[in-house]
């Protein structure tokens, strides 16, 4: 069983160390450190010593502004009330109420998503990716999309990563505009 190297980024020490304690008890993760700010893990990312980053959703704008994460999946940590649209932009998310089993499952799902390097260089969306994009544009969460399309949330996340890779658009608002401009959805359906 592969162990994934995880960095935790959260200004709240109690939250970061709590997640680190949960992850250190699992067979799936090795915590490489807890950090206060996303900029502190730049050297770890540059040397490929991190497989997954758990980061506070409060640092989303700093995460989005950095280019250092490359293809490293980021799991949002929700320890405060935050905008659901921001949470959807992460590969997955955990809350302060997530069970250790949920956190371990998320590590496995996120780490095993196909890397963007394995995705076809074609920029044309597949039929299923278009289906997912339409539901994203309509404001559905990953779980709601999975239920609507009868696929797993893990598969939804993979499709969303493919969509981001092919379109170059990360934000839900940008993907919504893309869907409208490419006549995948009528603006009245939003």
N, C-alpha and C. Protein backbone atom coordinates (compact mmCIF):
# COMPACT_ATOMS: atom_id res chain seq x y z
N UNK A 1 0.83 -1.17 0.00
CA UNK A 1 0.00 0.00 0.00
C UNK A 1 0.89 1.24 0.00
N UNK A 2 0.67 2.11 -0.95
CA UNK A 2 1.47 3.32 -1.07
C UNK A 2 1.10 4.32 0.01
N UNK A 3 2.12 4.95 0.57
CA UNK A 3 1.91 6.04 1.53
C UNK A 3 2.13 7.35 0.79
N UNK A 4 1.21 8.28 0.98
CA UNK A 4 1.28 9.57 0.30
C UNK A 4 1.83 10.62 1.25
N UNK A 5 2.75 11.43 0.73
CA UNK A 5 3.36 12.50 1.51
C UNK A 5 2.41 13.70 1.51
N UNK A 6 2.04 14.16 2.72
CA UNK A 6 1.05 15.21 2.88
C UNK A 6 1.64 16.39 3.63
N UNK A 7 1.43 17.59 3.10
CA UNK A 7 1.77 18.83 3.80
C UNK A 7 0.46 19.48 4.23
N UNK A 8 0.45 20.03 5.43
CA UNK A 8 -0.76 20.67 5.96
C UNK A 8 -0.47 22.15 6.14
N UNK A 9 -1.35 22.99 5.58
CA UNK A 9 -1.17 24.43 5.64
C UNK A 9 -2.42 25.05 6.25
N UNK A 10 -2.29 25.52 7.50
CA UNK A 10 -3.41 26.16 8.18
C UNK A 10 -2.84 27.02 9.30
N UNK A 11 -3.26 28.26 9.38
CA UNK A 11 -2.77 29.17 10.41
C UNK A 11 -3.23 28.74 11.80
N UNK A 12 -4.31 27.97 11.88
CA UNK A 12 -4.81 27.48 13.17
C UNK A 12 -4.04 26.23 13.55
N UNK A 13 -3.15 26.34 14.52
CA UNK A 13 -2.31 25.23 14.94
C UNK A 13 -3.12 24.02 15.37
N UNK A 14 -4.20 24.26 16.11
CA UNK A 14 -5.03 23.15 16.60
C UNK A 14 -5.61 22.35 15.44
N UNK A 15 -6.07 23.05 14.41
CA UNK A 15 -6.66 22.38 13.25
C UNK A 15 -5.58 21.60 12.50
N UNK A 16 -4.46 22.26 12.21
CA UNK A 16 -3.38 21.61 11.46
C UNK A 16 -2.85 20.38 12.19
N UNK A 17 -2.58 20.53 13.48
CA UNK A 17 -2.04 19.40 14.24
C UNK A 17 -3.08 18.31 14.45
N UNK A 18 -4.35 18.68 14.51
CA UNK A 18 -5.40 17.66 14.61
C UNK A 18 -5.47 16.80 13.36
N UNK A 19 -5.42 17.43 12.20
CA UNK A 19 -5.43 16.67 10.94
C UNK A 19 -4.15 15.85 10.82
N UNK A 20 -3.03 16.44 11.23
CA UNK A 20 -1.76 15.70 11.19
C UNK A 20 -1.83 14.45 12.08
N UNK A 21 -2.43 14.58 13.26
CA UNK A 21 -2.55 13.44 14.17
C UNK A 21 -3.41 12.34 13.55
N UNK A 22 -4.51 12.73 12.92
CA UNK A 22 -5.39 11.75 12.27
C UNK A 22 -4.65 11.06 11.14
N UNK A 23 -3.97 11.85 10.29
CA UNK A 23 -3.27 11.27 9.14
C UNK A 23 -2.10 10.39 9.56
N UNK A 24 -1.43 10.75 10.65
CA UNK A 24 -0.27 9.94 11.07
C UNK A 24 -0.68 8.57 11.59
N UNK A 25 -1.95 8.39 11.93
CA UNK A 25 -2.43 7.08 12.39
C UNK A 25 -2.87 6.19 11.23
N UNK A 26 -2.91 6.73 10.03
CA UNK A 26 -3.37 5.94 8.89
C UNK A 26 -2.17 5.32 8.18
N UNK A 27 -2.44 4.27 7.45
CA UNK A 27 -1.40 3.62 6.67
C UNK A 27 -1.20 4.31 5.33
N UNK A 28 -2.09 5.23 4.99
CA UNK A 28 -2.09 5.85 3.66
C UNK A 28 -1.31 7.16 3.57
N UNK A 29 -0.96 7.77 4.72
CA UNK A 29 -0.36 9.10 4.66
C UNK A 29 0.83 9.24 5.59
N UNK A 30 1.78 10.04 5.12
CA UNK A 30 2.93 10.43 5.92
C UNK A 30 2.94 11.96 5.94
N UNK A 31 2.78 12.55 7.09
CA UNK A 31 2.74 14.01 7.20
C UNK A 31 4.17 14.53 7.18
N UNK A 32 4.47 15.39 6.19
CA UNK A 32 5.83 15.94 6.07
C UNK A 32 5.98 17.24 6.85
N UNK A 33 4.86 17.81 7.30
CA UNK A 33 4.95 19.01 8.12
C UNK A 33 3.67 19.81 8.14
N UNK A 34 3.58 20.67 9.16
CA UNK A 34 2.46 21.61 9.28
C UNK A 34 3.03 23.02 9.11
N UNK A 35 2.35 23.83 8.31
CA UNK A 35 2.83 25.16 7.97
C UNK A 35 1.71 26.17 8.14
N UNK A 36 2.08 27.42 8.36
CA UNK A 36 1.09 28.49 8.56
C UNK A 36 0.61 29.10 7.24
N UNK A 37 1.47 29.11 6.22
CA UNK A 37 1.14 29.78 4.96
C UNK A 37 1.60 28.95 3.77
N UNK A 38 0.87 29.03 2.69
CA UNK A 38 1.17 28.24 1.48
C UNK A 38 2.58 28.50 0.95
N UNK A 39 3.10 29.71 1.11
CA UNK A 39 4.44 30.03 0.59
C UNK A 39 5.53 29.23 1.30
N UNK A 40 5.25 28.73 2.48
CA UNK A 40 6.24 27.97 3.25
C UNK A 40 6.53 26.59 2.67
N UNK A 41 5.69 26.09 1.77
CA UNK A 41 5.91 24.74 1.24
C UNK A 41 6.46 24.76 -0.18
N UNK A 42 6.88 25.93 -0.64
CA UNK A 42 7.37 26.05 -2.02
C UNK A 42 8.53 25.10 -2.31
N UNK A 43 9.49 24.99 -1.41
CA UNK A 43 10.63 24.11 -1.68
C UNK A 43 10.22 22.64 -1.68
N UNK A 44 9.25 22.27 -0.84
CA UNK A 44 8.77 20.89 -0.83
C UNK A 44 8.13 20.53 -2.17
N UNK A 45 7.31 21.45 -2.67
CA UNK A 45 6.63 21.22 -3.95
C UNK A 45 7.66 21.16 -5.08
N UNK A 46 8.62 22.07 -5.06
CA UNK A 46 9.62 22.13 -6.13
C UNK A 46 10.44 20.85 -6.22
N UNK A 47 10.63 20.18 -5.10
CA UNK A 47 11.43 18.95 -5.11
C UNK A 47 10.56 17.69 -5.15
N UNK A 48 9.27 17.87 -5.43
CA UNK A 48 8.32 16.74 -5.53
C UNK A 48 8.29 15.89 -4.27
N UNK A 49 8.42 16.53 -3.11
CA UNK A 49 8.39 15.79 -1.86
C UNK A 49 7.01 15.83 -1.21
N UNK A 50 5.98 16.29 -1.96
CA UNK A 50 4.62 16.34 -1.44
C UNK A 50 3.68 15.77 -2.49
N UNK A 51 2.82 14.84 -2.08
CA UNK A 51 1.82 14.26 -2.98
C UNK A 51 0.49 14.99 -2.88
N UNK A 52 0.15 15.46 -1.67
CA UNK A 52 -1.12 16.12 -1.41
C UNK A 52 -0.89 17.27 -0.44
N UNK A 53 -1.61 18.37 -0.66
CA UNK A 53 -1.58 19.48 0.28
C UNK A 53 -2.97 19.62 0.88
N UNK A 54 -3.04 19.64 2.21
CA UNK A 54 -4.26 20.01 2.92
C UNK A 54 -4.07 21.47 3.28
N UNK A 55 -4.98 22.35 2.85
CA UNK A 55 -4.81 23.78 3.11
C UNK A 55 -6.13 24.42 3.50
N UNK A 56 -6.03 25.38 4.39
CA UNK A 56 -7.21 26.12 4.84
C UNK A 56 -7.88 26.79 3.65
N UNK A 57 -9.21 26.67 3.58
CA UNK A 57 -9.93 27.35 2.49
C UNK A 57 -9.77 28.86 2.61
N UNK A 58 -9.44 29.35 3.81
CA UNK A 58 -9.22 30.79 3.99
C UNK A 58 -8.01 31.27 3.19
N UNK A 59 -7.13 30.36 2.79
CA UNK A 59 -5.96 30.74 2.00
C UNK A 59 -6.16 30.51 0.51
N UNK A 60 -7.41 30.34 0.11
CA UNK A 60 -7.69 30.02 -1.29
C UNK A 60 -7.06 31.01 -2.26
N UNK A 61 -7.19 32.29 -2.00
CA UNK A 61 -6.69 33.28 -2.95
C UNK A 61 -5.16 33.21 -3.08
N UNK A 62 -4.46 32.90 -2.00
CA UNK A 62 -3.00 32.73 -2.08
C UNK A 62 -2.67 31.45 -2.85
N UNK A 63 -3.48 30.42 -2.65
CA UNK A 63 -3.27 29.16 -3.36
C UNK A 63 -3.50 29.36 -4.86
N UNK A 64 -4.58 30.07 -5.20
CA UNK A 64 -4.90 30.31 -6.60
C UNK A 64 -3.84 31.18 -7.27
N UNK A 65 -3.25 32.10 -6.51
CA UNK A 65 -2.26 33.02 -7.08
C UNK A 65 -0.91 32.37 -7.31
N UNK A 66 -0.65 31.26 -6.64
CA UNK A 66 0.65 30.62 -6.79
C UNK A 66 0.65 29.66 -7.98
N UNK A 67 1.79 29.56 -8.61
CA UNK A 67 1.93 28.61 -9.72
C UNK A 67 2.74 27.41 -9.29
N UNK A 68 3.22 27.40 -8.05
CA UNK A 68 4.13 26.35 -7.61
C UNK A 68 3.46 25.00 -7.39
N UNK A 69 2.13 24.97 -7.24
CA UNK A 69 1.48 23.70 -6.93
C UNK A 69 1.44 22.74 -8.10
N UNK A 70 1.60 23.24 -9.31
CA UNK A 70 1.59 22.41 -10.50
C UNK A 70 0.40 21.45 -10.47
N UNK A 71 0.66 20.15 -10.44
CA UNK A 71 -0.41 19.16 -10.44
C UNK A 71 -0.68 18.58 -9.06
N UNK A 72 -0.16 19.21 -8.02
CA UNK A 72 -0.35 18.70 -6.67
C UNK A 72 -1.79 18.93 -6.24
N UNK A 73 -2.52 17.87 -5.88
CA UNK A 73 -3.91 18.06 -5.44
C UNK A 73 -3.96 18.80 -4.10
N UNK A 74 -4.98 19.65 -3.96
CA UNK A 74 -5.16 20.42 -2.73
C UNK A 74 -6.53 20.10 -2.13
N UNK A 75 -6.52 19.67 -0.88
CA UNK A 75 -7.74 19.39 -0.13
C UNK A 75 -8.01 20.59 0.77
N UNK A 76 -9.18 21.18 0.64
CA UNK A 76 -9.53 22.33 1.46
C UNK A 76 -9.91 21.91 2.87
N UNK A 77 -9.44 22.67 3.84
CA UNK A 77 -9.80 22.45 5.24
C UNK A 77 -10.80 23.53 5.62
N UNK A 78 -12.02 23.13 5.94
CA UNK A 78 -13.06 24.07 6.34
C UNK A 78 -13.16 24.10 7.86
N UNK A 79 -12.54 25.10 8.47
CA UNK A 79 -12.65 25.23 9.92
C UNK A 79 -13.49 26.44 10.30
N UNK A 80 -13.87 27.22 9.29
CA UNK A 80 -14.75 28.37 9.48
C UNK A 80 -15.78 28.38 8.36
N UNK A 81 -16.84 29.13 8.55
CA UNK A 81 -17.86 29.27 7.52
C UNK A 81 -17.24 29.94 6.30
N UNK A 82 -17.48 29.38 5.12
CA UNK A 82 -16.89 29.95 3.92
C UNK A 82 -17.83 29.75 2.73
N UNK A 83 -17.53 30.47 1.67
CA UNK A 83 -18.33 30.42 0.46
C UNK A 83 -18.21 29.03 -0.18
N UNK A 84 -19.35 28.41 -0.45
CA UNK A 84 -19.38 27.06 -1.03
C UNK A 84 -18.70 27.02 -2.40
N UNK A 85 -18.77 28.12 -3.14
CA UNK A 85 -18.13 28.16 -4.45
C UNK A 85 -16.62 28.02 -4.32
N UNK A 86 -16.04 28.62 -3.30
CA UNK A 86 -14.60 28.48 -3.08
C UNK A 86 -14.27 27.04 -2.72
N UNK A 87 -15.07 26.42 -1.87
CA UNK A 87 -14.82 25.04 -1.46
C UNK A 87 -14.82 24.12 -2.68
N UNK A 88 -15.71 24.37 -3.64
CA UNK A 88 -15.81 23.52 -4.83
C UNK A 88 -14.56 23.58 -5.70
N UNK A 89 -13.75 24.59 -5.53
CA UNK A 89 -12.57 24.75 -6.37
C UNK A 89 -11.42 23.85 -5.93
N UNK A 90 -11.53 23.28 -4.74
CA UNK A 90 -10.51 22.35 -4.25
C UNK A 90 -10.77 20.96 -4.82
N UNK A 91 -9.74 20.12 -4.83
CA UNK A 91 -9.91 18.74 -5.31
C UNK A 91 -10.89 17.98 -4.43
N UNK A 92 -10.90 18.32 -3.15
CA UNK A 92 -11.82 17.73 -2.17
C UNK A 92 -11.78 18.65 -0.96
N UNK A 93 -12.61 18.35 0.03
CA UNK A 93 -12.56 19.16 1.25
C UNK A 93 -12.90 18.32 2.46
N UNK A 94 -12.39 18.77 3.61
CA UNK A 94 -12.71 18.16 4.90
C UNK A 94 -13.16 19.29 5.81
N UNK A 95 -13.93 18.93 6.82
CA UNK A 95 -14.35 19.91 7.82
C UNK A 95 -13.81 19.48 9.17
N UNK A 96 -14.02 20.32 10.15
CA UNK A 96 -13.56 19.96 11.49
C UNK A 96 -14.41 18.82 12.05
N UNK A 97 -15.49 18.47 11.36
CA UNK A 97 -16.35 17.38 11.79
C UNK A 97 -16.09 16.08 11.00
N UNK A 98 -15.18 16.10 10.05
CA UNK A 98 -14.89 14.90 9.25
C UNK A 98 -14.29 13.81 10.14
N UNK A 99 -14.72 12.59 9.91
CA UNK A 99 -14.20 11.47 10.68
C UNK A 99 -12.81 11.08 10.16
N UNK A 100 -12.01 10.40 10.99
CA UNK A 100 -10.72 9.91 10.51
C UNK A 100 -10.86 9.02 9.28
N UNK A 101 -11.93 8.22 9.22
CA UNK A 101 -12.15 7.35 8.07
C UNK A 101 -12.41 8.17 6.80
N UNK A 102 -13.18 9.26 6.94
CA UNK A 102 -13.45 10.14 5.79
C UNK A 102 -12.17 10.79 5.29
N UNK A 103 -11.35 11.24 6.23
CA UNK A 103 -10.10 11.91 5.86
C UNK A 103 -9.16 10.92 5.15
N UNK A 104 -9.07 9.70 5.66
CA UNK A 104 -8.22 8.69 5.01
C UNK A 104 -8.75 8.36 3.61
N UNK A 105 -10.07 8.25 3.48
CA UNK A 105 -10.67 7.97 2.17
C UNK A 105 -10.37 9.10 1.19
N UNK A 106 -10.45 10.32 1.65
CA UNK A 106 -10.18 11.47 0.78
C UNK A 106 -8.73 11.46 0.32
N UNK A 107 -7.81 11.11 1.21
CA UNK A 107 -6.39 11.01 0.82
C UNK A 107 -6.25 10.02 -0.32
N UNK A 108 -6.86 8.86 -0.18
CA UNK A 108 -6.76 7.83 -1.22
C UNK A 108 -7.37 8.30 -2.53
N UNK A 109 -8.57 8.87 -2.47
CA UNK A 109 -9.26 9.31 -3.69
C UNK A 109 -8.50 10.41 -4.41
N UNK A 110 -8.05 11.41 -3.65
CA UNK A 110 -7.37 12.55 -4.27
C UNK A 110 -6.02 12.14 -4.84
N UNK A 111 -5.27 11.33 -4.10
CA UNK A 111 -3.94 10.92 -4.55
C UNK A 111 -4.00 10.03 -5.78
N UNK A 112 -5.08 9.28 -5.92
CA UNK A 112 -5.17 8.34 -7.03
C UNK A 112 -5.87 8.91 -8.26
N UNK A 113 -6.25 10.18 -8.19
CA UNK A 113 -6.81 10.82 -9.38
C UNK A 113 -5.72 10.87 -10.44
N UNK A 114 -6.11 10.74 -11.70
CA UNK A 114 -5.08 10.80 -12.73
C UNK A 114 -4.39 12.16 -12.75
N UNK A 115 -3.09 12.12 -12.91
CA UNK A 115 -2.33 13.37 -13.03
C UNK A 115 -2.67 14.03 -14.35
N UNK A 116 -2.57 15.34 -14.36
CA UNK A 116 -2.84 16.06 -15.61
C UNK A 116 -1.87 15.63 -16.71
N UNK A 117 -0.72 15.10 -16.32
CA UNK A 117 0.23 14.65 -17.33
C UNK A 117 -0.28 13.43 -18.10
N UNK A 118 -1.22 12.69 -17.50
CA UNK A 118 -1.76 11.51 -18.15
C UNK A 118 -2.98 11.81 -19.01
N UNK A 119 -3.45 13.02 -18.97
CA UNK A 119 -4.65 13.38 -19.70
C UNK A 119 -4.29 13.65 -21.15
N UNK A 120 -5.16 13.22 -22.02
CA UNK A 120 -4.96 13.45 -23.45
C UNK A 120 -4.73 14.93 -23.73
N UNK A 121 -3.87 15.23 -24.67
CA UNK A 121 -3.60 16.61 -25.02
C UNK A 121 -4.72 17.24 -25.84
N UNK A 122 -5.72 16.47 -26.19
CA UNK A 122 -6.86 17.02 -26.91
C UNK A 122 -7.57 18.01 -26.01
N UNK A 123 -7.93 19.16 -26.59
CA UNK A 123 -8.63 20.18 -25.81
C UNK A 123 -10.14 20.07 -25.98
N UNK A 124 -10.58 19.10 -26.75
CA UNK A 124 -12.01 18.90 -26.92
C UNK A 124 -12.55 18.09 -25.75
N UNK A 125 -13.64 18.58 -25.16
CA UNK A 125 -14.22 17.89 -24.02
C UNK A 125 -14.97 16.64 -24.48
N UNK A 126 -14.86 15.57 -23.69
CA UNK A 126 -15.63 14.36 -23.98
C UNK A 126 -17.10 14.62 -23.64
N UNK A 127 -17.95 13.72 -24.06
CA UNK A 127 -19.38 13.88 -23.78
C UNK A 127 -19.64 13.93 -22.27
N UNK A 128 -18.99 13.07 -21.51
CA UNK A 128 -19.19 13.05 -20.06
C UNK A 128 -18.63 14.31 -19.41
N UNK A 129 -17.50 14.81 -19.91
CA UNK A 129 -16.95 16.05 -19.38
C UNK A 129 -17.92 17.21 -19.64
N UNK A 130 -18.55 17.22 -20.81
CA UNK A 130 -19.57 18.25 -21.09
C UNK A 130 -20.73 18.14 -20.12
N UNK A 131 -21.17 16.91 -19.82
CA UNK A 131 -22.25 16.70 -18.86
C UNK A 131 -21.87 17.27 -17.49
N UNK A 132 -20.65 16.98 -17.06
CA UNK A 132 -20.17 17.47 -15.77
C UNK A 132 -20.08 19.00 -15.79
N UNK A 133 -19.53 19.55 -16.86
CA UNK A 133 -19.39 21.00 -16.99
C UNK A 133 -20.75 21.70 -16.90
N UNK A 134 -21.74 21.15 -17.54
CA UNK A 134 -23.09 21.75 -17.51
C UNK A 134 -23.60 21.79 -16.07
N UNK A 135 -23.41 20.70 -15.34
CA UNK A 135 -23.88 20.66 -13.95
C UNK A 135 -23.06 21.58 -13.05
N UNK A 136 -21.77 21.70 -13.32
CA UNK A 136 -20.93 22.65 -12.58
C UNK A 136 -21.46 24.06 -12.82
N UNK A 137 -21.74 24.37 -14.08
CA UNK A 137 -22.26 25.70 -14.42
C UNK A 137 -23.60 25.98 -13.76
N UNK A 138 -24.38 24.95 -13.54
CA UNK A 138 -25.68 25.11 -12.89
C UNK A 138 -25.57 25.15 -11.37
N UNK A 139 -24.34 25.05 -10.85
CA UNK A 139 -24.12 25.21 -9.41
C UNK A 139 -24.17 23.94 -8.59
N UNK A 140 -24.12 22.78 -9.24
CA UNK A 140 -24.16 21.52 -8.51
C UNK A 140 -22.83 21.27 -7.80
N UNK A 141 -22.87 20.62 -6.64
CA UNK A 141 -21.65 20.20 -5.95
C UNK A 141 -21.17 18.89 -6.57
N UNK A 142 -19.96 18.46 -6.22
CA UNK A 142 -19.43 17.20 -6.75
C UNK A 142 -20.35 16.03 -6.38
N UNK A 143 -20.84 16.01 -5.15
CA UNK A 143 -21.73 14.92 -4.73
C UNK A 143 -23.04 14.94 -5.51
N UNK A 144 -23.58 16.13 -5.74
CA UNK A 144 -24.82 16.25 -6.51
C UNK A 144 -24.62 15.82 -7.96
N UNK A 145 -23.48 16.18 -8.53
CA UNK A 145 -23.16 15.78 -9.91
C UNK A 145 -23.06 14.25 -9.97
N UNK A 146 -22.36 13.67 -9.00
CA UNK A 146 -22.20 12.21 -8.96
C UNK A 146 -23.56 11.53 -8.90
N UNK A 147 -24.44 12.04 -8.07
CA UNK A 147 -25.77 11.46 -7.94
C UNK A 147 -26.57 11.62 -9.24
N UNK A 148 -26.51 12.79 -9.83
CA UNK A 148 -27.26 13.07 -11.06
C UNK A 148 -26.80 12.20 -12.23
N UNK A 149 -25.49 11.97 -12.32
CA UNK A 149 -24.93 11.21 -13.45
C UNK A 149 -24.68 9.73 -13.13
N UNK A 150 -25.01 9.33 -11.92
CA UNK A 150 -24.79 7.95 -11.48
C UNK A 150 -23.34 7.50 -11.62
N UNK A 151 -22.43 8.37 -11.15
CA UNK A 151 -21.01 8.06 -11.13
C UNK A 151 -20.49 8.38 -9.73
N UNK A 152 -19.28 7.98 -9.42
CA UNK A 152 -18.73 8.24 -8.09
C UNK A 152 -18.22 9.69 -8.00
N UNK A 153 -18.19 10.24 -6.79
CA UNK A 153 -17.61 11.59 -6.62
C UNK A 153 -16.16 11.64 -7.10
N UNK A 154 -15.44 10.54 -6.94
CA UNK A 154 -14.05 10.47 -7.41
C UNK A 154 -13.99 10.67 -8.93
N UNK A 155 -14.92 10.05 -9.64
CA UNK A 155 -14.98 10.20 -11.09
C UNK A 155 -15.33 11.63 -11.48
N UNK A 156 -16.22 12.25 -10.73
CA UNK A 156 -16.57 13.66 -10.98
C UNK A 156 -15.33 14.53 -10.84
N UNK A 157 -14.57 14.30 -9.78
CA UNK A 157 -13.35 15.08 -9.56
C UNK A 157 -12.37 14.89 -10.71
N UNK A 158 -12.24 13.66 -11.18
CA UNK A 158 -11.35 13.40 -12.33
C UNK A 158 -11.82 14.15 -13.58
N UNK A 159 -13.12 14.12 -13.82
CA UNK A 159 -13.65 14.86 -14.98
C UNK A 159 -13.40 16.36 -14.82
N UNK A 160 -13.59 16.87 -13.62
CA UNK A 160 -13.37 18.31 -13.39
C UNK A 160 -11.92 18.68 -13.62
N UNK A 161 -11.00 17.83 -13.18
CA UNK A 161 -9.58 18.10 -13.44
C UNK A 161 -9.29 18.11 -14.94
N UNK A 162 -9.90 17.16 -15.66
CA UNK A 162 -9.72 17.11 -17.11
C UNK A 162 -10.27 18.38 -17.76
N UNK A 163 -11.41 18.83 -17.30
CA UNK A 163 -12.03 20.05 -17.85
C UNK A 163 -11.12 21.24 -17.62
N UNK A 164 -10.59 21.37 -16.40
CA UNK A 164 -9.67 22.48 -16.10
C UNK A 164 -8.43 22.39 -16.98
N UNK A 165 -7.89 21.19 -17.13
CA UNK A 165 -6.69 21.02 -17.96
C UNK A 165 -6.96 21.40 -19.42
N UNK A 166 -8.09 20.97 -19.94
CA UNK A 166 -8.40 21.21 -21.35
C UNK A 166 -8.80 22.64 -21.64
N UNK A 167 -9.49 23.28 -20.70
CA UNK A 167 -9.97 24.65 -20.95
C UNK A 167 -9.02 25.70 -20.40
N UNK A 168 -8.23 25.32 -19.40
CA UNK A 168 -7.35 26.29 -18.76
C UNK A 168 -8.11 27.20 -17.80
N UNK A 169 -9.35 26.86 -17.49
CA UNK A 169 -10.20 27.68 -16.63
C UNK A 169 -10.41 26.96 -15.32
N UNK A 170 -10.08 27.62 -14.19
CA UNK A 170 -10.19 26.98 -12.87
C UNK A 170 -11.45 27.38 -12.13
N UNK A 171 -11.93 28.59 -12.33
CA UNK A 171 -13.05 29.06 -11.52
C UNK A 171 -14.39 28.57 -12.06
N UNK A 172 -15.35 28.40 -11.14
CA UNK A 172 -16.69 27.99 -11.54
C UNK A 172 -17.31 29.07 -12.43
N UNK A 173 -17.09 30.33 -12.08
CA UNK A 173 -17.65 31.42 -12.90
C UNK A 173 -17.08 31.37 -14.32
N UNK A 174 -15.78 31.15 -14.43
CA UNK A 174 -15.16 31.06 -15.74
C UNK A 174 -15.66 29.88 -16.54
N UNK A 175 -15.84 28.74 -15.87
CA UNK A 175 -16.37 27.55 -16.54
C UNK A 175 -17.82 27.77 -16.98
N UNK A 176 -18.56 28.53 -16.19
CA UNK A 176 -19.95 28.84 -16.55
C UNK A 176 -19.98 29.69 -17.81
N UNK A 177 -19.13 30.70 -17.87
CA UNK A 177 -19.05 31.54 -19.07
C UNK A 177 -18.64 30.69 -20.27
N UNK A 178 -17.66 29.80 -20.07
CA UNK A 178 -17.21 28.91 -21.14
C UNK A 178 -18.38 28.07 -21.66
N UNK A 179 -19.16 27.52 -20.74
CA UNK A 179 -20.30 26.66 -21.12
C UNK A 179 -21.33 27.46 -21.91
N UNK A 180 -21.59 28.70 -21.50
CA UNK A 180 -22.57 29.54 -22.21
C UNK A 180 -22.05 29.91 -23.59
N UNK A 181 -20.79 30.36 -23.65
CA UNK A 181 -20.21 30.79 -24.93
C UNK A 181 -20.09 29.65 -25.94
N UNK A 182 -19.91 28.43 -25.44
CA UNK A 182 -19.80 27.27 -26.33
C UNK A 182 -21.14 26.56 -26.52
N UNK A 183 -22.21 27.25 -26.11
CA UNK A 183 -23.58 26.77 -26.32
C UNK A 183 -23.84 25.40 -25.71
N UNK A 184 -23.15 25.11 -24.58
CA UNK A 184 -23.41 23.87 -23.85
C UNK A 184 -24.61 24.05 -22.93
N UNK A 185 -24.86 25.28 -22.58
CA UNK A 185 -25.96 25.59 -21.66
C UNK A 185 -26.50 26.97 -22.03
N UNK A 186 -27.77 27.13 -21.91
CA UNK A 186 -28.41 28.43 -22.15
C UNK A 186 -28.33 29.24 -20.86
N UNK A 187 -28.05 30.51 -20.97
CA UNK A 187 -27.91 31.34 -19.76
C UNK A 187 -29.19 31.35 -18.91
N UNK A 188 -30.32 31.03 -19.51
CA UNK A 188 -31.56 30.98 -18.76
C UNK A 188 -31.66 29.72 -17.89
N UNK A 189 -30.79 28.71 -18.15
CA UNK A 189 -30.79 27.48 -17.36
C UNK A 189 -29.99 27.63 -16.08
N UNK A 190 -29.31 28.75 -15.92
CA UNK A 190 -28.44 28.96 -14.75
C UNK A 190 -29.24 29.34 -13.54
